Amino acid sequence: MRTMLFIILLASLAFLRASLLPSAIVQDKDDEADHQALREFKTLFEKAASENSLELMKPHLHEPFSVVTYTDREFSDFEKFKARWQKTRDEIVGNGSYKVTLLPERSEIYGDIAVAHGDSENVLITGAGNEYHFTSHWTAVFRKVDGQWKIVRVHSSLDPFGNPMVVGEVWRKVTQVGVGAGVGGLILGGLVAYLLLRRRGRATPAATTPANS
């Protein structure tokens, strides 16, 4: 009797496994398809940022969407974000170049919501020829709408103290201030010496007048 029950139990488990296996395979295929679709955003963003063509991202933005840049500015309007991006790029890069390479970790998918995150390697060459290499961190939230993943929110950040651009700029300012202070000290010292000599020159005749008379 126990043997019969054991056989029935095994048969039931086998039937249940056979019933669930096709759906599990389909689910795995769907998940991999979603991961592949999310990976395509890597190439898209690298091209948009490196070639200064943010318009490439516009069709893939969710409505509403928001972005927080590494300068701690938040935008929910694409045109304002694009204008600010261009202004910052003109100020820092000028006629130089900028290239970004994303290093994403595996995305986390929760139904129609996906969270992508990772690091990035950045190479910036200014118009003056100064070259900077730095890393940054980013997070992107997506939502699937009508079968397509849309960008809901993006956040990027970097270490301000380890940023070679900031360090280089601070060093240039310190150097300028140091040189300016040195030149200012020489000028001030020369001016003081001149005034003392002039005062002494005026005081000497006044001291010898009684003797001459």
N, C-alpha and C. Protein backbone atom coordinates (compact mmCIF):
# COMPACT_ATOMS: atom_id res chain seq x y z
N MET A 1 0.83 -1.21 0.00
CA MET A 1 0.00 0.00 0.00
C MET A 1 0.87 1.26 0.00
N ARG A 2 1.89 1.23 0.87
CA ARG A 2 2.79 2.39 0.93
C ARG A 2 3.55 2.56 -0.38
N THR A 3 3.92 1.41 -0.97
CA THR A 3 4.63 1.47 -2.25
C THR A 3 3.75 2.10 -3.31
N MET A 4 2.49 1.74 -3.31
CA MET A 4 1.55 2.30 -4.28
C MET A 4 1.38 3.80 -4.10
N LEU A 5 1.27 4.24 -2.85
CA LEU A 5 1.13 5.68 -2.56
C LEU A 5 2.37 6.44 -3.00
N PHE A 6 3.54 5.84 -2.78
CA PHE A 6 4.80 6.48 -3.16
C PHE A 6 4.88 6.65 -4.67
N ILE A 7 4.44 5.60 -5.39
CA ILE A 7 4.45 5.66 -6.86
C ILE A 7 3.50 6.74 -7.36
N ILE A 8 2.32 6.81 -6.72
CA ILE A 8 1.34 7.84 -7.11
C ILE A 8 1.89 9.24 -6.85
N LEU A 9 2.61 9.41 -5.72
CA LEU A 9 3.18 10.71 -5.38
C LEU A 9 4.25 11.11 -6.40
N LEU A 10 5.10 10.16 -6.76
CA LEU A 10 6.13 10.46 -7.76
C LEU A 10 5.52 10.83 -9.10
N ALA A 11 4.46 10.09 -9.46
CA ALA A 11 3.79 10.37 -10.73
C ALA A 11 3.17 11.76 -10.73
N SER A 12 2.60 12.13 -9.58
CA SER A 12 1.99 13.46 -9.46
C SER A 12 3.03 14.56 -9.57
N LEU A 13 4.19 14.37 -8.92
CA LEU A 13 5.26 15.36 -8.99
C LEU A 13 5.80 15.49 -10.40
N ALA A 14 5.93 14.35 -11.08
CA ALA A 14 6.42 14.37 -12.45
C ALA A 14 5.45 15.11 -13.37
N PHE A 15 4.17 14.85 -13.15
CA PHE A 15 3.14 15.52 -13.96
C PHE A 15 3.15 17.04 -13.69
N LEU A 16 3.29 17.40 -12.41
CA LEU A 16 3.31 18.82 -12.05
C LEU A 16 4.52 19.51 -12.65
N ARG A 17 5.66 18.85 -12.60
CA ARG A 17 6.88 19.42 -13.17
C ARG A 17 6.75 19.59 -14.67
N ALA A 18 6.18 18.57 -15.31
CA ALA A 18 5.99 18.65 -16.76
C ALA A 18 5.03 19.76 -17.15
N SER A 19 4.05 20.01 -16.27
CA SER A 19 3.06 21.05 -16.55
C SER A 19 3.67 22.44 -16.40
N LEU A 20 4.55 22.60 -15.41
CA LEU A 20 5.12 23.91 -15.13
C LEU A 20 6.34 24.23 -15.97
N LEU A 21 7.04 23.22 -16.44
CA LEU A 21 8.28 23.44 -17.16
C LEU A 21 8.13 24.33 -18.39
N PRO A 22 7.14 24.10 -19.26
CA PRO A 22 7.01 24.98 -20.43
C PRO A 22 6.82 26.44 -20.07
N SER A 23 6.01 26.71 -19.04
CA SER A 23 5.79 28.11 -18.64
C SER A 23 7.05 28.71 -18.07
N ALA A 24 7.84 27.89 -17.35
CA ALA A 24 9.09 28.39 -16.79
C ALA A 24 10.07 28.74 -17.91
N ILE A 25 10.10 27.87 -18.94
CA ILE A 25 10.98 28.14 -20.08
C ILE A 25 10.58 29.42 -20.79
N VAL A 26 9.28 29.61 -20.97
CA VAL A 26 8.77 30.82 -21.61
C VAL A 26 9.14 32.06 -20.79
N GLN A 27 8.99 31.94 -19.45
CA GLN A 27 9.31 33.06 -18.59
C GLN A 27 10.80 33.42 -18.67
N ASP A 28 11.66 32.40 -18.69
CA ASP A 28 13.10 32.64 -18.81
C ASP A 28 13.43 33.34 -20.12
N LYS A 29 12.75 32.91 -21.20
CA LYS A 29 12.98 33.54 -22.50
C LYS A 29 12.52 34.99 -22.49
N ASP A 30 11.40 35.25 -21.84
CA ASP A 30 10.89 36.62 -21.75
C ASP A 30 11.85 37.49 -20.96
N ASP A 31 12.34 36.97 -19.83
CA ASP A 31 13.28 37.73 -19.01
C ASP A 31 14.55 38.05 -19.78
N GLU A 32 15.07 37.07 -20.51
CA GLU A 32 16.30 37.31 -21.27
C GLU A 32 16.07 38.33 -22.38
N ALA A 33 14.87 38.28 -22.99
CA ALA A 33 14.54 39.26 -24.02
C ALA A 33 14.50 40.66 -23.42
N ASP A 34 13.95 40.79 -22.21
CA ASP A 34 13.91 42.09 -21.53
C ASP A 34 15.32 42.57 -21.21
N HIS A 35 16.16 41.67 -20.72
CA HIS A 35 17.54 42.06 -20.41
C HIS A 35 18.28 42.52 -21.67
N GLN A 36 18.05 41.83 -22.76
CA GLN A 36 18.69 42.21 -24.01
C GLN A 36 18.20 43.58 -24.47
N ALA A 37 16.91 43.84 -24.32
CA ALA A 37 16.35 45.14 -24.71
C ALA A 37 16.96 46.25 -23.85
N LEU A 38 17.16 45.98 -22.58
CA LEU A 38 17.76 46.98 -21.69
C LEU A 38 19.23 47.20 -22.01
N ARG A 39 19.92 46.15 -22.43
CA ARG A 39 21.33 46.29 -22.79
C ARG A 39 21.52 47.23 -23.98
N GLU A 40 20.53 47.29 -24.84
CA GLU A 40 20.64 48.14 -26.03
C GLU A 40 20.70 49.62 -25.65
N PHE A 41 20.19 49.96 -24.47
CA PHE A 41 20.26 51.36 -24.04
C PHE A 41 21.70 51.77 -23.76
N LYS A 42 22.56 50.83 -23.44
CA LYS A 42 23.98 51.12 -23.20
C LYS A 42 24.60 51.75 -24.44
N THR A 43 24.46 51.07 -25.56
CA THR A 43 25.02 51.57 -26.82
C THR A 43 24.37 52.89 -27.22
N LEU A 44 23.06 52.98 -27.01
CA LEU A 44 22.33 54.19 -27.39
C LEU A 44 22.83 55.40 -26.60
N PHE A 45 22.96 55.25 -25.27
CA PHE A 45 23.39 56.38 -24.46
C PHE A 45 24.84 56.75 -24.73
N GLU A 46 25.70 55.76 -24.90
CA GLU A 46 27.11 56.06 -25.20
C GLU A 46 27.22 56.88 -26.48
N LYS A 47 26.43 56.55 -27.47
CA LYS A 47 26.45 57.28 -28.74
C LYS A 47 25.90 58.69 -28.55
N ALA A 48 24.78 58.80 -27.82
CA ALA A 48 24.14 60.11 -27.62
C ALA A 48 25.07 61.06 -26.86
N ALA A 49 25.71 60.56 -25.79
CA ALA A 49 26.57 61.41 -24.97
C ALA A 49 27.89 61.72 -25.65
N SER A 50 28.52 60.70 -26.22
CA SER A 50 29.84 60.88 -26.83
C SER A 50 29.78 61.72 -28.09
N GLU A 51 28.69 61.61 -28.83
CA GLU A 51 28.56 62.37 -30.08
C GLU A 51 27.73 63.64 -29.89
N ASN A 52 27.37 63.93 -28.63
CA ASN A 52 26.58 65.12 -28.32
C ASN A 52 25.28 65.15 -29.13
N SER A 53 24.57 64.02 -29.11
CA SER A 53 23.32 63.89 -29.86
C SER A 53 22.22 63.39 -28.94
N LEU A 54 21.84 64.20 -27.97
CA LEU A 54 20.85 63.78 -26.98
C LEU A 54 19.49 63.50 -27.59
N GLU A 55 19.23 64.02 -28.77
CA GLU A 55 17.94 63.78 -29.43
C GLU A 55 17.69 62.29 -29.64
N LEU A 56 18.76 61.49 -29.67
CA LEU A 56 18.61 60.05 -29.85
C LEU A 56 17.86 59.43 -28.68
N MET A 57 17.93 60.06 -27.49
CA MET A 57 17.29 59.51 -26.31
C MET A 57 15.82 59.89 -26.19
N LYS A 58 15.41 60.96 -26.84
CA LYS A 58 14.07 61.51 -26.64
C LYS A 58 12.95 60.51 -26.90
N PRO A 59 13.00 59.70 -27.97
CA PRO A 59 11.90 58.76 -28.21
C PRO A 59 11.78 57.67 -27.14
N HIS A 60 12.80 57.51 -26.32
CA HIS A 60 12.81 56.43 -25.34
C HIS A 60 12.51 56.92 -23.92
N LEU A 61 12.08 58.17 -23.80
CA LEU A 61 11.78 58.73 -22.48
C LEU A 61 10.33 58.49 -22.11
N HIS A 62 10.11 58.12 -20.87
CA HIS A 62 8.76 57.95 -20.34
C HIS A 62 8.16 59.32 -20.09
N GLU A 63 6.87 59.40 -20.08
CA GLU A 63 6.18 60.66 -19.76
C GLU A 63 5.31 60.47 -18.53
N PRO A 64 5.67 61.05 -17.37
CA PRO A 64 6.80 61.97 -17.19
C PRO A 64 8.12 61.23 -16.95
N PHE A 65 9.22 61.97 -17.04
CA PHE A 65 10.53 61.42 -16.74
C PHE A 65 11.32 62.49 -15.98
N SER A 66 12.40 62.06 -15.34
CA SER A 66 13.26 63.01 -14.63
C SER A 66 14.69 62.53 -14.68
N VAL A 67 15.62 63.48 -14.58
CA VAL A 67 17.04 63.14 -14.59
C VAL A 67 17.76 64.05 -13.60
N VAL A 68 18.68 63.47 -12.84
CA VAL A 68 19.53 64.23 -11.93
C VAL A 68 20.96 64.08 -12.43
N THR A 69 21.59 65.21 -12.76
CA THR A 69 22.94 65.17 -13.33
C THR A 69 23.99 65.18 -12.23
N TYR A 70 25.24 64.98 -12.64
CA TYR A 70 26.33 64.95 -11.67
C TYR A 70 26.59 66.33 -11.07
N THR A 71 26.00 67.37 -11.65
CA THR A 71 26.12 68.71 -11.07
C THR A 71 24.99 68.99 -10.09
N ASP A 72 24.23 67.93 -9.74
CA ASP A 72 23.15 68.01 -8.74
C ASP A 72 21.99 68.88 -9.21
N ARG A 73 21.76 68.88 -10.52
CA ARG A 73 20.59 69.57 -11.07
C ARG A 73 19.57 68.53 -11.51
N GLU A 74 18.29 68.81 -11.25
CA GLU A 74 17.22 67.89 -11.61
C GLU A 74 16.36 68.51 -12.70
N PHE A 75 16.02 67.70 -13.71
CA PHE A 75 15.22 68.16 -14.83
C PHE A 75 14.10 67.17 -15.10
N SER A 76 12.94 67.71 -15.45
CA SER A 76 11.82 66.89 -15.89
C SER A 76 11.35 67.33 -17.28
N ASP A 77 12.05 68.28 -17.85
CA ASP A 77 11.75 68.78 -19.19
C ASP A 77 12.97 68.50 -20.08
N PHE A 78 12.76 67.75 -21.16
CA PHE A 78 13.88 67.34 -21.99
C PHE A 78 14.60 68.53 -22.61
N GLU A 79 13.88 69.50 -23.10
CA GLU A 79 14.52 70.63 -23.77
C GLU A 79 15.38 71.44 -22.80
N LYS A 80 14.91 71.60 -21.56
CA LYS A 80 15.71 72.32 -20.57
C LYS A 80 16.96 71.51 -20.20
N PHE A 81 16.78 70.21 -20.09
CA PHE A 81 17.92 69.35 -19.80
C PHE A 81 18.94 69.43 -20.93
N LYS A 82 18.47 69.37 -22.15
CA LYS A 82 19.37 69.43 -23.30
C LYS A 82 20.12 70.77 -23.35
N ALA A 83 19.41 71.86 -23.06
CA ALA A 83 20.05 73.19 -23.08
C ALA A 83 21.13 73.28 -22.01
N ARG A 84 20.84 72.75 -20.82
CA ARG A 84 21.81 72.79 -19.73
C ARG A 84 23.01 71.91 -20.05
N TRP A 85 22.73 70.73 -20.63
CA TRP A 85 23.80 69.83 -21.05
C TRP A 85 24.74 70.53 -22.02
N GLN A 86 24.14 71.21 -23.03
CA GLN A 86 24.95 71.87 -24.04
C GLN A 86 25.77 73.01 -23.45
N LYS A 87 25.18 73.76 -22.54
CA LYS A 87 25.91 74.87 -21.92
C LYS A 87 27.09 74.36 -21.11
N THR A 88 26.85 73.31 -20.31
CA THR A 88 27.93 72.73 -19.51
C THR A 88 29.01 72.15 -20.42
N ARG A 89 28.59 71.49 -21.48
CA ARG A 89 29.56 70.89 -22.41
C ARG A 89 30.40 71.97 -23.08
N ASP A 90 29.77 73.06 -23.48
CA ASP A 90 30.51 74.15 -24.11
C ASP A 90 31.52 74.76 -23.15
N GLU A 91 31.12 74.88 -21.88
CA GLU A 91 32.00 75.50 -20.89
C GLU A 91 33.20 74.61 -20.56
N ILE A 92 32.97 73.30 -20.49
CA ILE A 92 34.03 72.39 -20.05
C ILE A 92 34.80 71.81 -21.23
N VAL A 93 34.07 71.32 -22.23
CA VAL A 93 34.70 70.62 -23.34
C VAL A 93 35.11 71.59 -24.45
N GLY A 94 34.23 72.55 -24.75
CA GLY A 94 34.52 73.48 -25.84
C GLY A 94 34.61 72.73 -27.16
N ASN A 95 35.71 72.95 -27.88
CA ASN A 95 35.89 72.23 -29.14
C ASN A 95 36.73 70.97 -28.96
N GLY A 96 36.78 70.48 -27.70
CA GLY A 96 37.47 69.23 -27.41
C GLY A 96 36.55 68.04 -27.65
N SER A 97 36.68 67.01 -26.84
CA SER A 97 35.86 65.81 -27.03
C SER A 97 35.53 65.18 -25.69
N TYR A 98 34.47 64.38 -25.71
CA TYR A 98 34.03 63.66 -24.51
C TYR A 98 33.54 62.28 -24.91
N LYS A 99 33.99 61.25 -24.19
CA LYS A 99 33.57 59.89 -24.49
C LYS A 99 33.23 59.17 -23.19
N VAL A 100 32.10 58.47 -23.17
CA VAL A 100 31.68 57.73 -21.99
C VAL A 100 31.45 56.27 -22.36
N THR A 101 31.88 55.38 -21.47
CA THR A 101 31.66 53.94 -21.64
C THR A 101 30.94 53.43 -20.40
N LEU A 102 29.73 52.91 -20.56
CA LEU A 102 28.96 52.40 -19.44
C LEU A 102 29.43 50.99 -19.06
N LEU A 103 29.46 50.74 -17.76
CA LEU A 103 29.81 49.42 -17.23
C LEU A 103 28.64 48.93 -16.38
N PRO A 104 27.58 48.46 -17.01
CA PRO A 104 26.36 48.09 -16.26
C PRO A 104 26.48 46.75 -15.57
N GLU A 105 25.80 46.64 -14.45
CA GLU A 105 25.60 45.35 -13.80
C GLU A 105 24.29 44.77 -14.33
N ARG A 106 23.98 43.54 -13.97
CA ARG A 106 22.75 42.93 -14.48
C ARG A 106 21.54 43.67 -13.90
N SER A 107 20.61 44.03 -14.78
CA SER A 107 19.42 44.77 -14.37
C SER A 107 18.52 43.92 -13.49
N GLU A 108 17.73 44.60 -12.68
CA GLU A 108 16.75 43.93 -11.83
C GLU A 108 15.36 44.25 -12.39
N ILE A 109 14.60 43.22 -12.71
CA ILE A 109 13.30 43.39 -13.34
C ILE A 109 12.19 42.94 -12.39
N TYR A 110 11.21 43.84 -12.19
CA TYR A 110 10.06 43.57 -11.33
C TYR A 110 8.79 43.83 -12.12
N GLY A 111 8.38 42.84 -12.89
CA GLY A 111 7.19 43.03 -13.72
C GLY A 111 7.45 44.03 -14.83
N ASP A 112 6.73 45.16 -14.81
CA ASP A 112 6.93 46.17 -15.85
C ASP A 112 7.89 47.27 -15.42
N ILE A 113 8.61 47.06 -14.31
CA ILE A 113 9.60 48.01 -13.81
C ILE A 113 10.98 47.35 -13.83
N ALA A 114 11.98 48.07 -14.29
CA ALA A 114 13.35 47.56 -14.31
C ALA A 114 14.28 48.61 -13.74
N VAL A 115 15.27 48.15 -12.99
CA VAL A 115 16.28 49.04 -12.41
C VAL A 115 17.64 48.63 -12.96
N ALA A 116 18.27 49.54 -13.66
CA ALA A 116 19.62 49.30 -14.18
C ALA A 116 20.59 50.20 -13.43
N HIS A 117 21.79 49.71 -13.21
CA HIS A 117 22.77 50.53 -12.48
C HIS A 117 24.17 50.04 -12.82
N GLY A 118 25.16 50.86 -12.49
CA GLY A 118 26.54 50.49 -12.77
C GLY A 118 27.46 51.69 -12.68
N ASP A 119 28.65 51.55 -13.25
CA ASP A 119 29.63 52.62 -13.29
C ASP A 119 29.82 53.07 -14.73
N SER A 120 30.65 54.08 -14.90
CA SER A 120 31.00 54.51 -16.25
C SER A 120 32.42 55.04 -16.25
N GLU A 121 33.09 54.87 -17.37
CA GLU A 121 34.43 55.42 -17.57
C GLU A 121 34.31 56.61 -18.52
N ASN A 122 34.88 57.73 -18.12
CA ASN A 122 34.75 58.96 -18.90
C ASN A 122 36.12 59.49 -19.29
N VAL A 123 36.21 59.93 -20.52
CA VAL A 123 37.44 60.56 -21.01
C VAL A 123 37.06 61.90 -21.61
N LEU A 124 37.62 62.97 -21.05
CA LEU A 124 37.28 64.32 -21.49
C LEU A 124 38.56 65.05 -21.88
N ILE A 125 38.54 65.63 -23.06
CA ILE A 125 39.67 66.43 -23.55
C ILE A 125 39.14 67.83 -23.84
N THR A 126 39.69 68.81 -23.15
CA THR A 126 39.23 70.18 -23.32
C THR A 126 39.80 70.78 -24.61
N GLY A 127 39.26 71.94 -24.96
CA GLY A 127 39.75 72.63 -26.14
C GLY A 127 41.20 73.02 -26.01
N ALA A 128 41.67 73.20 -24.76
CA ALA A 128 43.06 73.57 -24.51
C ALA A 128 43.99 72.37 -24.54
N GLY A 129 43.40 71.15 -24.69
CA GLY A 129 44.22 69.96 -24.76
C GLY A 129 44.42 69.23 -23.44
N ASN A 130 43.77 69.72 -22.36
CA ASN A 130 43.87 69.02 -21.08
C ASN A 130 43.01 67.76 -21.12
N GLU A 131 43.58 66.63 -20.73
CA GLU A 131 42.87 65.35 -20.79
C GLU A 131 42.58 64.84 -19.38
N TYR A 132 41.32 64.44 -19.16
CA TYR A 132 40.90 63.97 -17.85
C TYR A 132 40.23 62.60 -17.99
N HIS A 133 40.56 61.70 -17.05
CA HIS A 133 39.93 60.39 -16.96
C HIS A 133 39.26 60.29 -15.60
N PHE A 134 37.99 59.95 -15.57
CA PHE A 134 37.30 59.83 -14.29
C PHE A 134 36.15 58.84 -14.41
N THR A 135 35.72 58.32 -13.26
CA THR A 135 34.61 57.38 -13.22
C THR A 135 33.40 58.03 -12.57
N SER A 136 32.23 57.52 -12.86
CA SER A 136 31.00 58.01 -12.24
C SER A 136 30.07 56.82 -12.01
N HIS A 137 29.03 57.04 -11.22
CA HIS A 137 28.06 56.00 -10.90
C HIS A 137 26.68 56.45 -11.38
N TRP A 138 25.86 55.50 -11.80
CA TRP A 138 24.56 55.87 -12.35
C TRP A 138 23.51 54.80 -12.03
N THR A 139 22.28 55.26 -12.01
CA THR A 139 21.12 54.38 -11.84
C THR A 139 20.04 54.84 -12.81
N ALA A 140 19.38 53.89 -13.46
CA ALA A 140 18.30 54.22 -14.39
C ALA A 140 17.10 53.33 -14.09
N VAL A 141 15.93 53.94 -14.02
CA VAL A 141 14.67 53.21 -13.78
C VAL A 141 13.86 53.22 -15.08
N PHE A 142 13.38 52.04 -15.47
CA PHE A 142 12.61 51.90 -16.70
C PHE A 142 11.21 51.37 -16.38
N ARG A 143 10.30 51.67 -17.28
CA ARG A 143 8.95 51.09 -17.20
C ARG A 143 8.55 50.61 -18.59
N LYS A 144 7.98 49.42 -18.63
CA LYS A 144 7.57 48.87 -19.93
C LYS A 144 6.18 49.40 -20.28
N VAL A 145 6.10 50.06 -21.44
CA VAL A 145 4.85 50.62 -21.92
C VAL A 145 4.59 50.08 -23.32
N ASP A 146 3.47 49.38 -23.47
CA ASP A 146 3.11 48.79 -24.76
C ASP A 146 4.26 47.93 -25.31
N GLY A 147 4.89 47.18 -24.42
CA GLY A 147 5.95 46.26 -24.83
C GLY A 147 7.31 46.89 -25.03
N GLN A 148 7.43 48.22 -24.78
CA GLN A 148 8.70 48.91 -24.96
C GLN A 148 9.17 49.51 -23.64
N TRP A 149 10.46 49.36 -23.36
CA TRP A 149 11.02 49.94 -22.14
C TRP A 149 11.25 51.43 -22.33
N LYS A 150 10.76 52.23 -21.37
CA LYS A 150 10.91 53.67 -21.40
C LYS A 150 11.68 54.14 -20.15
N ILE A 151 12.48 55.17 -20.32
CA ILE A 151 13.29 55.69 -19.22
C ILE A 151 12.42 56.58 -18.33
N VAL A 152 12.30 56.21 -17.07
CA VAL A 152 11.50 56.97 -16.11
C VAL A 152 12.36 57.97 -15.35
N ARG A 153 13.52 57.50 -14.87
CA ARG A 153 14.38 58.37 -14.09
C ARG A 153 15.84 57.91 -14.21
N VAL A 154 16.73 58.89 -14.27
CA VAL A 154 18.17 58.61 -14.34
C VAL A 154 18.87 59.49 -13.31
N HIS A 155 19.82 58.89 -12.61
CA HIS A 155 20.60 59.65 -11.62
C HIS A 155 22.07 59.29 -11.81
N SER A 156 22.92 60.30 -11.87
CA SER A 156 24.36 60.07 -11.99
C SER A 156 25.09 60.87 -10.93
N SER A 157 26.23 60.34 -10.50
CA SER A 157 27.00 61.03 -9.47
C SER A 157 28.48 60.70 -9.65
N LEU A 158 29.32 61.56 -9.10
CA LEU A 158 30.76 61.31 -9.09
C LEU A 158 31.37 61.91 -7.84
N ASP A 159 32.56 61.48 -7.52
CA ASP A 159 33.26 61.94 -6.33
C ASP A 159 33.88 63.31 -6.62
N PRO A 160 33.40 64.39 -5.98
CA PRO A 160 33.94 65.72 -6.29
C PRO A 160 35.39 65.88 -5.87
N PHE A 161 35.82 65.16 -4.84
CA PHE A 161 37.19 65.30 -4.36
C PHE A 161 38.18 64.46 -5.17
N GLY A 162 37.64 63.41 -5.82
CA GLY A 162 38.51 62.58 -6.64
C GLY A 162 38.41 62.91 -8.11
N ASN A 163 37.60 63.90 -8.45
CA ASN A 163 37.42 64.30 -9.84
C ASN A 163 38.64 65.08 -10.31
N PRO A 164 39.39 64.57 -11.28
CA PRO A 164 40.60 65.26 -11.73
C PRO A 164 40.34 66.63 -12.32
N MET A 165 39.14 66.85 -12.87
CA MET A 165 38.83 68.19 -13.40
C MET A 165 38.77 69.21 -12.28
N VAL A 166 38.09 68.82 -11.19
CA VAL A 166 37.96 69.72 -10.04
C VAL A 166 39.32 69.95 -9.41
N VAL A 167 40.06 68.87 -9.20
CA VAL A 167 41.39 68.99 -8.59
C VAL A 167 42.29 69.86 -9.45
N GLY A 168 42.26 69.63 -10.77
CA GLY A 168 43.09 70.43 -11.67
C GLY A 168 42.71 71.89 -11.65
N GLU A 169 41.41 72.18 -11.61
CA GLU A 169 40.95 73.56 -11.59
C GLU A 169 41.33 74.24 -10.28
N VAL A 170 41.17 73.52 -9.18
CA VAL A 170 41.56 74.08 -7.88
C VAL A 170 43.05 74.38 -7.86
N TRP A 171 43.85 73.47 -8.38
CA TRP A 171 45.29 73.67 -8.40
C TRP A 171 45.66 74.89 -9.25
N ARG A 172 44.98 75.07 -10.37
CA ARG A 172 45.25 76.25 -11.21
C ARG A 172 44.88 77.53 -10.47
N LYS A 173 43.75 77.50 -9.74
CA LYS A 173 43.33 78.67 -9.00
C LYS A 173 44.33 78.99 -7.90
N VAL A 174 44.77 77.93 -7.20
CA VAL A 174 45.76 78.14 -6.13
C VAL A 174 47.04 78.72 -6.71
N THR A 175 47.46 78.19 -7.85
CA THR A 175 48.68 78.70 -8.49
C THR A 175 48.52 80.15 -8.89
N GLN A 176 47.34 80.46 -9.47
CA GLN A 176 47.10 81.84 -9.88
C GLN A 176 47.10 82.78 -8.69
N VAL A 177 46.44 82.33 -7.61
CA VAL A 177 46.40 83.15 -6.40
C VAL A 177 47.79 83.31 -5.82
N GLY A 178 48.57 82.19 -5.83
CA GLY A 178 49.92 82.24 -5.29
C GLY A 178 50.81 83.18 -6.08
N VAL A 179 50.74 83.08 -7.40
CA VAL A 179 51.53 83.97 -8.25
C VAL A 179 51.07 85.41 -8.08
N GLY A 180 49.74 85.57 -8.02
CA GLY A 180 49.20 86.92 -7.83
C GLY A 180 49.63 87.50 -6.50
N ALA A 181 49.61 86.67 -5.46
CA ALA A 181 50.03 87.15 -4.14
C ALA A 181 51.51 87.50 -4.14
N GLY A 182 52.31 86.68 -4.85
CA GLY A 182 53.75 86.96 -4.91
C GLY A 182 54.03 88.27 -5.62
N VAL A 183 53.37 88.46 -6.76
CA VAL A 183 53.55 89.70 -7.51
C VAL A 183 53.04 90.89 -6.69
N GLY A 184 51.87 90.67 -6.05
CA GLY A 184 51.32 91.73 -5.21
C GLY A 184 52.24 92.08 -4.07
N GLY A 185 52.89 91.06 -3.48
CA GLY A 185 53.82 91.30 -2.38
C GLY A 185 55.03 92.10 -2.85
N LEU A 186 55.53 91.77 -4.03
CA LEU A 186 56.67 92.51 -4.57
C LEU A 186 56.30 93.98 -4.83
N ILE A 187 55.12 94.16 -5.40
CA ILE A 187 54.68 95.53 -5.69
C ILE A 187 54.49 96.32 -4.40
N LEU A 188 53.83 95.66 -3.42
CA LEU A 188 53.59 96.33 -2.15
C LEU A 188 54.90 96.64 -1.44
N GLY A 189 55.81 95.65 -1.46
CA GLY A 189 57.11 95.86 -0.83
C GLY A 189 57.87 97.00 -1.49
N GLY A 190 57.85 97.03 -2.79
CA GLY A 190 58.53 98.10 -3.51
C GLY A 190 57.92 99.46 -3.21
N LEU A 191 56.59 99.50 -3.11
CA LEU A 191 55.92 100.75 -2.82
C LEU A 191 56.27 101.26 -1.42
N VAL A 192 56.30 100.35 -0.44
CA VAL A 192 56.66 100.73 0.93
C VAL A 192 58.09 101.25 0.96
N ALA A 193 59.02 100.54 0.30
CA ALA A 193 60.42 100.98 0.28
C ALA A 193 60.55 102.34 -0.35
N TYR A 194 59.80 102.56 -1.43
CA TYR A 194 59.85 103.86 -2.11
C TYR A 194 59.36 104.98 -1.20
N LEU A 195 58.27 104.74 -0.49
CA LEU A 195 57.73 105.76 0.41
C LEU A 195 58.68 106.04 1.56
N LEU A 196 59.32 105.00 2.11
CA LEU A 196 60.27 105.21 3.20
C LEU A 196 61.48 106.02 2.75
N LEU A 197 62.01 105.68 1.58
CA LEU A 197 63.15 106.42 1.06
C LEU A 197 62.78 107.86 0.76
N ARG A 198 61.59 108.04 0.24
CA ARG A 198 61.15 109.40 -0.07
C ARG A 198 60.98 110.22 1.19
N ARG A 199 60.42 109.56 2.22
CA ARG A 199 60.22 110.26 3.49
C ARG A 199 61.57 110.60 4.14
N ARG A 200 62.52 109.65 4.06
CA ARG A 200 63.84 109.89 4.62
C ARG A 200 64.55 111.00 3.89
N GLY A 201 64.36 111.03 2.56
CA GLY A 201 65.00 112.09 1.77
C GLY A 201 64.46 113.46 2.14
N ARG A 202 63.16 113.51 2.47
CA ARG A 202 62.59 114.79 2.86
C ARG A 202 63.04 115.19 4.27
N ALA A 203 63.21 114.21 5.15
CA ALA A 203 63.54 114.49 6.53
C ALA A 203 64.98 114.95 6.68
N THR A 204 65.93 114.55 5.86
CA THR A 204 67.35 114.89 6.01
C THR A 204 67.64 116.37 5.88
N PRO A 205 67.16 117.11 4.90
CA PRO A 205 67.41 118.56 4.81
C PRO A 205 66.84 119.32 6.00
N ALA A 206 65.67 118.88 6.47
CA ALA A 206 65.06 119.58 7.60
C ALA A 206 65.92 119.45 8.84
N ALA A 207 66.64 118.36 9.00
CA ALA A 207 67.46 118.15 10.18
C ALA A 207 68.73 118.96 10.15
N THR A 208 69.28 119.33 8.98
CA THR A 208 70.56 120.07 8.85
C THR A 208 70.37 121.56 8.71
N THR A 209 69.14 122.06 8.67
CA THR A 209 68.91 123.50 8.46
C THR A 209 69.50 124.37 9.57
N PRO A 210 69.35 124.03 10.87
CA PRO A 210 69.91 124.89 11.92
C PRO A 210 71.42 124.99 11.82
N ALA A 211 72.12 123.94 11.48
CA ALA A 211 73.57 123.96 11.39
C ALA A 211 74.01 124.89 10.30
N ASN A 212 73.30 124.91 9.20
CA ASN A 212 73.69 125.77 8.08
C ASN A 212 73.43 127.23 8.40
N SER A 213 72.48 127.51 9.23
CA SER A 213 72.20 128.89 9.56
C SER A 213 73.10 129.35 10.69
